[in-house]
């Protein structure tokens, strides 16, 4: 039965015991490392997406902190980088796989190529979710209203680039020029004139960091002054909300400032990596987009799509909490377990050995169980000694997992040769699915 998350006052901060927390981290990291070792081409995309998931966890952590403008600015500044890196990890994986797989020699291999892409991308998504879960479990930043505040910060900060992109589209659709020529170029000339004294005394390699730092400081001071002006009105935003708006504004300015360089680099990489058969089509499409809408508009729209992916991830986690699929007290370890499970399932579809798939499934259940047990024990025992109880429980869980993997390997080993005509279709898949269901049922019954 669906139920809403507990009220904030009834959700004290809870962390797993040290033994359980260490086991969650070690099992998750080991499983992710083994899968990335099996798929070395996905190391870069997985690392990029994992960095974004850590940034997202920082956003959630800052959002549940003190209601101050400075924390709002910090969280707002990290929203767009988190969105771009999380979505970028998946996009980079797709580009790398398309480069390796296509063009195919026969049309019949086209569906196989797409299945390979889906499987590898699934491994990347699983690794990213596992990293996100570990980052959330570090200090259980979801406790209290952290997730809701993080969603609010993401929406507030993302509203600025969304509205800017819509404005740029309106300019391109109602005038004979793009926003780059009507807005960006004049503003850039004015800013260049104003910062001439800075560029005269600051070395060239430090100009951009100095200007960005000055922009952040100015935005923070301006947010505080605007809030004081609006205090007596019904439109006065809270300190964190005002800070998130300032962070989104700074991010939007930075995106527009580097849009030309980013657009050129991305276009060059796509033309270089995609098959020659569609190279001319990509070049024509990117040229038409730049001339019709402007490079700044295209890059802003890409950032908005990435923000949509990030918001979708947060909404999915919130929905899982609301329906009871994830326990708020151990949401980090539960997400880490889900990530490892996804990596195992998708890895099995693209050639991962059976022992690795089974070990990944067992590791995902171990991470999930250890996290829940560690948090529950910490809440019940407080500061009392818990290591003996933990070692007994976790030792039993490890023995059950190892035993299940051994039995499953024996079952798989006794199956007929997959290349033999006598092999029933789906027999090995049925055996693996039975093992997964059996492991899950056993863990649930032991609880």
Protein backbone atom coordinates (compact mmCIF):
# COMPACT_ATOMS: atom_id res chain seq x y z
CA UNK A 1 0.00 0.00 0.00
CA UNK A 2 1.45 3.39 -0.96
CA UNK A 3 2.22 5.79 1.81
CA UNK A 4 3.79 9.20 2.04
CA UNK A 5 7.22 9.72 3.58
CA UNK A 6 7.32 10.29 7.30
CA UNK A 7 6.99 13.86 8.54
CA UNK A 8 10.25 15.71 8.89
CA UNK A 9 9.98 15.83 12.68
CA UNK A 10 9.79 12.02 12.85
CA UNK A 11 12.83 11.39 10.66
CA UNK A 12 15.96 11.78 12.76
CA UNK A 13 19.31 11.58 11.06
CA UNK A 14 20.36 7.93 10.96
CA UNK A 15 23.59 6.42 9.72
CA UNK A 16 24.60 2.80 9.42
CA UNK A 17 27.07 1.31 11.87
CA UNK A 18 30.71 1.37 10.85
CA UNK A 19 30.93 -2.30 9.94
CA UNK A 20 27.77 -2.20 7.83
CA UNK A 21 28.77 1.09 6.22
CA UNK A 22 32.22 -0.26 5.34
CA UNK A 23 30.69 -3.41 3.86
CA UNK A 24 28.28 -1.38 1.73
CA UNK A 25 31.12 0.72 0.34
CA UNK A 26 33.50 -2.20 -0.26
CA UNK A 27 30.90 -4.43 -1.91
CA UNK A 28 29.60 -1.65 -4.14
CA UNK A 29 33.04 -0.44 -5.21
CA UNK A 30 34.25 -4.00 -5.85
CA UNK A 31 31.20 -4.86 -7.96
CA UNK A 32 31.42 -1.64 -10.00
CA UNK A 33 35.16 -2.16 -10.54
CA UNK A 34 34.62 -5.72 -11.78
CA UNK A 35 31.94 -4.67 -14.25
CA UNK A 36 34.00 -1.77 -15.58
CA UNK A 37 36.96 -4.12 -15.92
CA UNK A 38 34.76 -6.33 -18.07
CA UNK A 39 33.67 -3.30 -20.16
CA UNK A 40 36.73 -1.01 -20.23
CA UNK A 41 35.25 1.26 -22.92
CA UNK A 42 32.62 2.37 -20.40
CA UNK A 43 35.09 3.50 -17.72
CA UNK A 44 35.16 7.11 -18.94
CA UNK A 45 31.38 7.55 -19.28
CA UNK A 46 30.78 5.83 -15.93
CA UNK A 47 33.35 8.06 -14.22
CA UNK A 48 31.78 11.18 -15.77
CA UNK A 49 28.26 10.20 -14.72
CA UNK A 50 29.42 9.17 -11.24
CA UNK A 51 31.05 12.57 -10.73
CA UNK A 52 27.72 14.17 -11.62
CA UNK A 53 25.87 11.94 -9.18
CA UNK A 54 28.24 13.00 -6.41
CA UNK A 55 27.61 16.66 -7.30
CA UNK A 56 23.87 15.97 -7.13
CA UNK A 57 24.29 14.48 -3.66
CA UNK A 58 26.17 17.65 -2.65
CA UNK A 59 23.26 19.73 -3.97
CA UNK A 60 20.84 17.72 -1.82
CA UNK A 61 23.14 18.06 1.19
CA UNK A 62 23.46 21.81 0.80
CA UNK A 63 19.72 22.14 0.28
CA UNK A 64 18.94 20.53 3.64
CA UNK A 65 21.44 22.76 5.43
CA UNK A 66 20.86 26.21 6.95
CA UNK A 67 18.43 28.43 5.06
CA UNK A 68 21.04 30.92 3.88
CA UNK A 69 21.70 32.74 0.65
CA UNK A 70 25.27 31.46 0.45
CA UNK A 71 24.26 27.77 0.64
CA UNK A 72 21.56 28.46 -1.94
CA UNK A 73 24.10 30.02 -4.29
CA UNK A 74 26.44 27.06 -3.83
CA UNK A 75 23.71 24.52 -4.51
CA UNK A 76 22.39 26.52 -7.46
CA UNK A 77 25.86 26.69 -9.02
CA UNK A 78 26.23 22.89 -8.86
CA UNK A 79 22.86 21.97 -10.37
CA UNK A 80 23.80 22.52 -14.03
CA UNK A 81 27.26 20.85 -13.78
CA UNK A 82 25.62 17.87 -12.08
CA UNK A 83 22.97 17.64 -14.81
CA UNK A 84 25.47 17.94 -17.66
CA UNK A 85 27.83 15.30 -16.24
CA UNK A 86 25.10 12.80 -15.34
CA UNK A 87 23.42 13.03 -18.75
CA UNK A 88 26.80 13.49 -20.44
CA UNK A 89 28.04 10.14 -19.16
CA UNK A 90 25.18 8.36 -20.90
CA UNK A 91 25.53 10.42 -24.10
CA UNK A 92 29.29 9.83 -24.28
CA UNK A 93 28.71 6.10 -23.88
CA UNK A 94 26.21 6.12 -26.74
CA UNK A 95 28.57 8.08 -29.02
CA UNK A 96 31.48 5.72 -28.29
CA UNK A 97 29.34 2.65 -28.96
CA UNK A 98 27.87 4.05 -32.17
CA UNK A 99 31.38 4.77 -33.39
CA UNK A 100 32.45 1.17 -32.73
CA UNK A 101 29.33 -0.65 -33.94
CA UNK A 102 28.06 1.29 -36.94
CA UNK A 103 27.88 1.01 -39.86
CA UNK A 104 26.88 -2.67 -39.80
CA UNK A 105 27.59 -4.97 -42.72
CA UNK A 106 24.10 -6.49 -42.83
CA UNK A 107 20.72 -5.00 -42.03
CA UNK A 108 19.94 -8.02 -39.85
CA UNK A 109 22.72 -6.93 -37.48
CA UNK A 110 21.14 -3.52 -36.91
CA UNK A 111 18.91 -4.67 -34.04
CA UNK A 112 21.85 -6.53 -32.50
CA UNK A 113 23.88 -3.33 -32.53
CA UNK A 114 21.15 -1.42 -30.72
CA UNK A 115 20.84 -4.19 -28.13
CA UNK A 116 24.58 -3.94 -27.50
CA UNK A 117 24.23 -0.19 -27.00
CA UNK A 118 21.33 -0.65 -24.57
CA UNK A 119 23.25 -3.26 -22.58
CA UNK A 120 26.42 -1.18 -22.24
CA UNK A 121 24.48 1.98 -21.41
CA UNK A 122 22.60 -0.02 -18.78
CA UNK A 123 25.92 -0.92 -17.17
CA UNK A 124 26.88 2.78 -17.10
CA UNK A 125 23.52 3.77 -15.59
CA UNK A 126 23.91 1.08 -12.94
CA UNK A 127 27.37 2.31 -11.99
CA UNK A 128 26.14 5.92 -11.81
CA UNK A 129 23.21 4.93 -9.56
CA UNK A 130 25.58 2.96 -7.34
CA UNK A 131 27.83 6.01 -6.95
CA UNK A 132 24.79 8.19 -6.23
CA UNK A 133 23.65 5.78 -3.54
CA UNK A 134 27.06 5.77 -1.88
CA UNK A 135 27.17 9.56 -1.95
CA UNK A 136 23.71 9.80 -0.37
CA UNK A 137 24.56 7.27 2.33
CA UNK A 138 27.70 9.13 3.37
CA UNK A 139 25.77 11.34 5.80
CA UNK A 140 22.24 10.24 4.92
CA UNK A 141 21.52 13.62 3.36
CA UNK A 142 18.04 12.46 2.36
CA UNK A 143 17.00 12.40 6.02
CA UNK A 144 14.59 15.14 7.00
CA UNK A 145 13.42 17.16 4.01
CA UNK A 146 16.72 16.97 2.10
CA UNK A 147 15.30 15.34 -1.03
CA UNK A 148 12.35 17.72 -1.25
CA UNK A 149 14.63 20.72 -0.76
CA UNK A 150 17.03 19.35 -3.37
CA UNK A 151 14.18 19.04 -5.88
CA UNK A 152 13.10 22.59 -5.10
CA UNK A 153 16.65 23.90 -5.54
CA UNK A 154 17.00 22.05 -8.85
CA UNK A 155 13.74 23.49 -10.19
CA UNK A 156 14.50 27.00 -8.94
CA UNK A 157 18.03 27.08 -10.35
CA UNK A 158 16.96 25.44 -13.61
CA UNK A 159 14.18 27.96 -14.16
CA UNK A 160 16.69 30.63 -15.21
CA UNK A 161 18.27 28.74 -18.17
CA UNK A 162 14.82 27.45 -19.17
CA UNK A 163 13.34 30.94 -19.35
CA UNK A 164 16.46 32.25 -21.09
CA UNK A 165 16.27 29.51 -23.71
CA UNK A 166 12.59 30.29 -24.32
CA UNK A 167 13.42 33.98 -24.69
CA UNK A 168 16.20 33.20 -27.18
CA UNK A 169 13.80 30.98 -29.17
CA UNK A 170 11.24 33.80 -29.21
CA UNK A 171 13.84 36.23 -30.54
CA UNK A 172 14.86 33.82 -33.29
CA UNK A 173 11.24 33.15 -34.22
CA UNK A 174 10.03 36.76 -34.32
CA UNK A 175 13.05 38.57 -35.76
CA UNK A 176 15.42 38.18 -38.68
CA UNK A 177 18.39 37.50 -36.42
CA UNK A 178 19.35 35.14 -33.62
CA UNK A 179 19.82 35.91 -29.95
CA UNK A 180 23.59 35.70 -30.51
CA UNK A 181 23.45 38.74 -32.75
CA UNK A 182 20.63 40.63 -31.03
CA UNK A 183 21.57 40.11 -27.37
CA UNK A 184 24.76 38.15 -26.73
CA UNK A 185 27.15 40.13 -28.95
CA UNK A 186 26.16 43.61 -27.64
CA UNK A 187 26.28 42.44 -24.02
CA UNK A 188 29.65 40.79 -24.60
CA UNK A 189 31.04 44.03 -26.05
CA UNK A 190 29.78 45.99 -23.05
CA UNK A 191 31.21 43.48 -20.56
CA UNK A 192 34.54 43.48 -22.40
CA UNK A 193 34.68 47.26 -22.09
CA UNK A 194 33.83 47.17 -18.37
CA UNK A 195 36.41 44.50 -17.48
CA UNK A 196 39.24 46.13 -19.42
CA UNK A 197 40.84 47.42 -16.16
CA UNK A 198 40.81 43.85 -14.78
CA UNK A 199 42.42 42.34 -17.88
CA UNK A 200 45.12 45.02 -17.72
CA UNK A 201 46.37 43.94 -14.29
CA UNK A 202 45.46 40.23 -14.14
CA UNK A 203 47.51 37.61 -16.06
CA UNK A 204 45.61 36.09 -18.98
CA UNK A 205 45.45 32.60 -17.44
CA UNK A 206 43.68 33.98 -14.33
CA UNK A 207 41.20 36.30 -16.04
CA UNK A 208 38.29 33.85 -16.24
CA UNK A 209 38.58 32.54 -12.62
CA UNK A 210 38.87 36.10 -11.28
CA UNK A 211 35.85 37.30 -13.26
CA UNK A 212 33.75 34.28 -12.21
CA UNK A 213 34.71 34.77 -8.55
CA UNK A 214 33.77 38.44 -8.78
CA UNK A 215 30.46 37.48 -10.39
CA UNK A 216 29.64 35.01 -7.60
CA UNK A 217 30.47 37.57 -4.89
CA UNK A 218 28.46 40.30 -6.62
CA UNK A 219 25.47 37.97 -7.10
CA UNK A 220 25.55 36.90 -3.43
CA UNK A 221 25.62 40.52 -2.23
CA UNK A 222 22.89 41.47 -4.68
CA UNK A 223 20.69 38.61 -3.48
CA UNK A 224 20.97 39.80 0.11
CA UNK A 225 20.10 43.38 -0.81
CA UNK A 226 17.17 42.36 -3.01
CA UNK A 227 15.74 40.22 -0.23
CA UNK A 228 15.87 43.18 2.16
CA UNK A 229 14.05 45.31 -0.43
CA UNK A 230 11.39 42.63 -0.93
CA UNK A 231 10.93 41.69 2.71
CA UNK A 232 7.80 43.78 3.10
CA UNK A 233 6.20 42.39 -0.07
CA UNK A 234 4.40 39.05 -0.60
CA UNK A 235 6.97 38.17 -3.30
CA UNK A 236 9.94 37.93 -0.93
CA UNK A 237 11.74 34.61 -1.59
CA UNK A 238 13.51 32.68 1.14
CA UNK A 239 17.30 32.99 1.41
CA UNK A 240 17.92 29.56 -0.12
CA UNK A 241 15.49 30.17 -2.98
CA UNK A 242 17.03 33.56 -3.74
CA UNK A 243 20.49 32.00 -3.66
CA UNK A 244 19.42 29.21 -6.02
CA UNK A 245 18.08 31.80 -8.46
CA UNK A 246 21.39 33.64 -8.28
CA UNK A 247 23.29 30.40 -8.87
CA UNK A 248 21.10 29.62 -11.88
CA UNK A 249 21.69 33.10 -13.25
CA UNK A 250 25.47 32.78 -12.92
CA UNK A 251 25.35 29.36 -14.58
CA UNK A 252 23.27 30.71 -17.46
CA UNK A 253 25.71 33.56 -18.04
CA UNK A 254 28.62 31.11 -18.02
CA UNK A 255 26.85 28.77 -20.46
CA UNK A 256 26.11 31.61 -22.90
CA UNK A 257 29.71 32.85 -22.60
CA UNK A 258 31.19 29.49 -23.67
CA UNK A 259 28.36 28.42 -25.99
CA UNK A 260 30.26 29.12 -29.21
CA UNK A 261 33.31 27.11 -28.14
CA UNK A 262 31.19 24.23 -26.82
CA UNK A 263 29.05 24.08 -29.95
CA UNK A 264 32.08 23.95 -32.22
CA UNK A 265 33.81 21.23 -30.16
CA UNK A 266 30.71 19.04 -29.93
CA UNK A 267 30.01 19.41 -33.63
CA UNK A 268 33.59 18.50 -34.53
CA UNK A 269 33.53 15.41 -32.29
CA UNK A 270 30.22 14.19 -33.71
CA UNK A 271 31.43 14.57 -37.30
CA UNK A 272 34.68 12.78 -36.43
CA UNK A 273 33.13 9.86 -34.60
CA UNK A 274 29.93 9.11 -36.51
CA UNK A 275 29.93 7.06 -39.73
CA UNK A 276 31.01 8.84 -42.90
CA UNK A 277 27.63 8.07 -44.47
CA UNK A 278 25.89 10.61 -42.22
CA UNK A 279 28.80 13.03 -41.77
CA UNK A 280 27.41 15.49 -44.32
CA UNK A 281 23.94 15.32 -42.75
CA UNK A 282 25.34 16.17 -39.32
CA UNK A 283 27.31 19.10 -40.75
CA UNK A 284 24.23 20.46 -42.56
CA UNK A 285 22.02 20.07 -39.48
CA UNK A 286 24.46 21.83 -37.14
CA UNK A 287 25.03 24.67 -39.62
CA UNK A 288 21.29 25.18 -40.09
CA UNK A 289 20.71 25.16 -36.33
CA UNK A 290 23.43 27.74 -35.71
CA UNK A 291 22.15 30.06 -38.43
CA UNK A 292 18.44 29.71 -37.59
CA UNK A 293 18.45 29.68 -33.78
CA UNK A 294 21.99 30.54 -32.68
CA UNK A 295 24.69 28.57 -30.93
CA UNK A 296 23.76 29.96 -27.52
CA UNK A 297 20.16 28.79 -27.93
CA UNK A 298 21.23 25.30 -28.98
CA UNK A 299 23.62 24.89 -26.04
CA UNK A 300 21.06 26.27 -23.58
CA UNK A 301 18.45 23.81 -24.86
CA UNK A 302 20.94 20.97 -24.39
CA UNK A 303 21.52 22.10 -20.79
CA UNK A 304 17.75 22.24 -20.25
CA UNK A 305 17.43 18.64 -21.48
CA UNK A 306 20.17 17.59 -19.05
CA UNK A 307 18.32 19.38 -16.25
CA UNK A 308 15.24 17.39 -17.19
CA UNK A 309 17.19 14.15 -16.80
CA UNK A 310 18.42 15.27 -13.38
CA UNK A 311 14.95 16.28 -12.25
CA UNK A 312 13.61 12.95 -13.51
CA UNK A 313 16.17 11.10 -11.40
CA UNK A 314 15.16 13.00 -8.26
CA UNK A 315 11.46 12.47 -8.99
CA UNK A 316 12.04 8.74 -9.47
CA UNK A 317 13.82 8.50 -6.11
CA UNK A 318 11.05 10.49 -4.43
CA UNK A 319 8.39 8.26 -6.02
CA UNK A 320 10.23 5.16 -4.77
CA UNK A 321 10.25 6.65 -1.26
CA UNK A 322 6.60 7.66 -1.45
CA UNK A 323 5.49 4.18 -2.57
CA UNK A 324 7.65 2.46 0.03
CA UNK A 325 10.00 0.79 -2.47
CA UNK A 326 12.90 2.56 -0.76
CA UNK A 327 13.24 3.12 2.96
CA UNK A 328 14.19 6.72 3.74
CA UNK A 329 16.49 5.63 6.57
CA UNK A 330 18.64 3.54 4.22
CA UNK A 331 17.92 5.07 0.81
CA UNK A 332 21.63 5.40 -0.02
CA UNK A 333 22.50 1.72 0.37
CA UNK A 334 19.23 0.72 -1.31
CA UNK A 335 20.06 2.85 -4.36
CA UNK A 336 23.61 1.47 -4.42
CA UNK A 337 22.15 -2.04 -4.42
CA UNK A 338 19.77 -1.14 -7.25
CA UNK A 339 22.68 0.25 -9.25
CA UNK A 340 24.78 -2.88 -8.83
CA UNK A 341 21.76 -5.03 -9.73
CA UNK A 342 21.14 -3.06 -12.94
CA UNK A 343 24.81 -3.31 -13.90
CA UNK A 344 24.65 -7.07 -13.38
CA UNK A 345 21.45 -7.57 -15.36
CA UNK A 346 22.48 -5.40 -18.31
CA UNK A 347 26.03 -6.72 -18.22
CA UNK A 348 24.65 -10.21 -18.62
CA UNK A 349 22.94 -9.20 -21.87
CA UNK A 350 26.19 -8.05 -23.50
CA UNK A 351 28.57 -10.86 -22.70
CA UNK A 352 29.49 -10.61 -19.02
CA UNK A 353 30.41 -14.06 -17.69
CA UNK A 354 27.80 -15.92 -15.66
CA UNK A 355 29.88 -15.87 -12.47
CA UNK A 356 30.13 -12.06 -12.64
CA UNK A 357 26.40 -11.64 -13.22
CA UNK A 358 25.56 -13.92 -10.30
CA UNK A 359 28.15 -12.29 -8.06
CA UNK A 360 26.75 -8.87 -8.98
CA UNK A 361 23.22 -9.94 -8.07
CA UNK A 362 24.44 -11.38 -4.76
CA UNK A 363 26.45 -8.20 -4.07
CA UNK A 364 23.42 -6.00 -4.75
CA UNK A 365 21.32 -7.92 -2.24
CA UNK A 366 24.18 -7.86 0.27
CA UNK A 367 24.53 -4.08 -0.07
CA UNK A 368 20.81 -3.58 0.32
CA UNK A 369 20.54 -5.87 3.36
CA UNK A 370 23.70 -4.58 5.07
CA UNK A 371 22.58 -0.97 4.72
CA UNK A 372 19.12 -1.57 6.14
CA UNK A 373 20.40 -3.78 8.95
CA UNK A 374 23.18 -1.34 9.87
CA UNK A 375 20.81 1.65 10.07
CA UNK A 376 18.19 -0.30 12.05
CA UNK A 377 20.81 -1.58 14.48
CA UNK A 378 22.30 1.90 14.92
CA UNK A 379 18.86 3.32 15.77
CA UNK A 380 18.07 0.53 18.25
CA UNK A 381 21.45 0.08 19.95
CA UNK A 382 22.60 3.70 19.88
CA UNK A 383 26.20 3.91 21.06
CA UNK A 384 26.22 0.39 22.48
CA UNK A 385 28.52 -2.40 21.21
CA UNK A 386 27.17 -3.86 17.97
CA UNK A 387 30.12 -5.50 16.22
CA UNK A 388 29.40 -9.04 17.42
CA UNK A 389 25.79 -8.86 16.23
CA UNK A 390 26.88 -7.31 12.94
CA UNK A 391 29.52 -9.92 12.22
CA UNK A 392 27.03 -12.73 12.90
CA UNK A 393 24.36 -11.26 10.64
CA UNK A 394 26.70 -10.13 7.86
CA UNK A 395 28.68 -13.36 8.02
CA UNK A 396 25.47 -15.32 7.52
CA UNK A 397 24.50 -13.06 4.62
CA UNK A 398 27.89 -13.59 2.98
CA UNK A 399 27.65 -17.36 3.36
CA UNK A 400 24.15 -17.37 1.88
CA UNK A 401 25.27 -15.23 -1.04
CA UNK A 402 28.38 -17.28 -1.77
CA UNK A 403 26.44 -20.52 -1.46
CA UNK A 404 23.76 -19.27 -3.84
CA UNK A 405 26.39 -18.22 -6.40
CA UNK A 406 28.10 -21.63 -6.20
CA UNK A 407 24.81 -23.49 -6.62
CA UNK A 408 23.81 -21.25 -9.52
CA UNK A 409 27.16 -21.81 -11.23
CA UNK A 410 26.73 -25.55 -10.88
CA UNK A 411 23.25 -25.30 -12.40
CA UNK A 412 24.51 -23.18 -15.28
CA UNK A 413 27.46 -25.52 -15.81
CA UNK A 414 25.17 -28.53 -16.16
CA UNK A 415 23.03 -26.87 -18.81
CA UNK A 416 23.38 -28.13 -22.40
CA UNK A 417 25.68 -26.34 -24.80
CA UNK A 418 23.94 -23.15 -26.02
CA UNK A 419 25.12 -23.95 -29.56
CA UNK A 420 23.49 -27.37 -29.47
CA UNK A 421 20.19 -27.87 -31.25
CA UNK A 422 18.94 -29.79 -28.20
CA UNK A 423 19.17 -26.72 -25.98
CA UNK A 424 15.75 -25.38 -24.98
CA UNK A 425 15.36 -21.68 -25.73
CA UNK A 426 15.74 -19.49 -22.64
CA UNK A 427 16.87 -22.30 -20.29
CA UNK A 428 19.92 -20.44 -18.99
CA UNK A 429 17.96 -17.21 -18.62
CA UNK A 430 15.28 -19.08 -16.67
CA UNK A 431 17.91 -20.59 -14.36
CA UNK A 432 19.48 -17.20 -13.67
CA UNK A 433 16.09 -15.61 -13.07
CA UNK A 434 15.20 -18.39 -10.64
CA UNK A 435 18.41 -17.78 -8.73
CA UNK A 436 17.65 -14.05 -8.49
CA UNK A 437 14.12 -14.67 -7.23
CA UNK A 438 15.37 -17.30 -4.78
CA UNK A 439 18.05 -14.99 -3.36
CA UNK A 440 15.59 -12.14 -2.92
CA UNK A 441 13.00 -14.40 -1.29
CA UNK A 442 15.60 -15.82 1.09
CA UNK A 443 16.82 -12.39 2.19
CA UNK A 444 13.25 -11.20 2.74
CA UNK A 445 12.40 -14.28 4.78
CA UNK A 446 15.53 -13.96 6.92
CA UNK A 447 14.54 -10.41 7.82
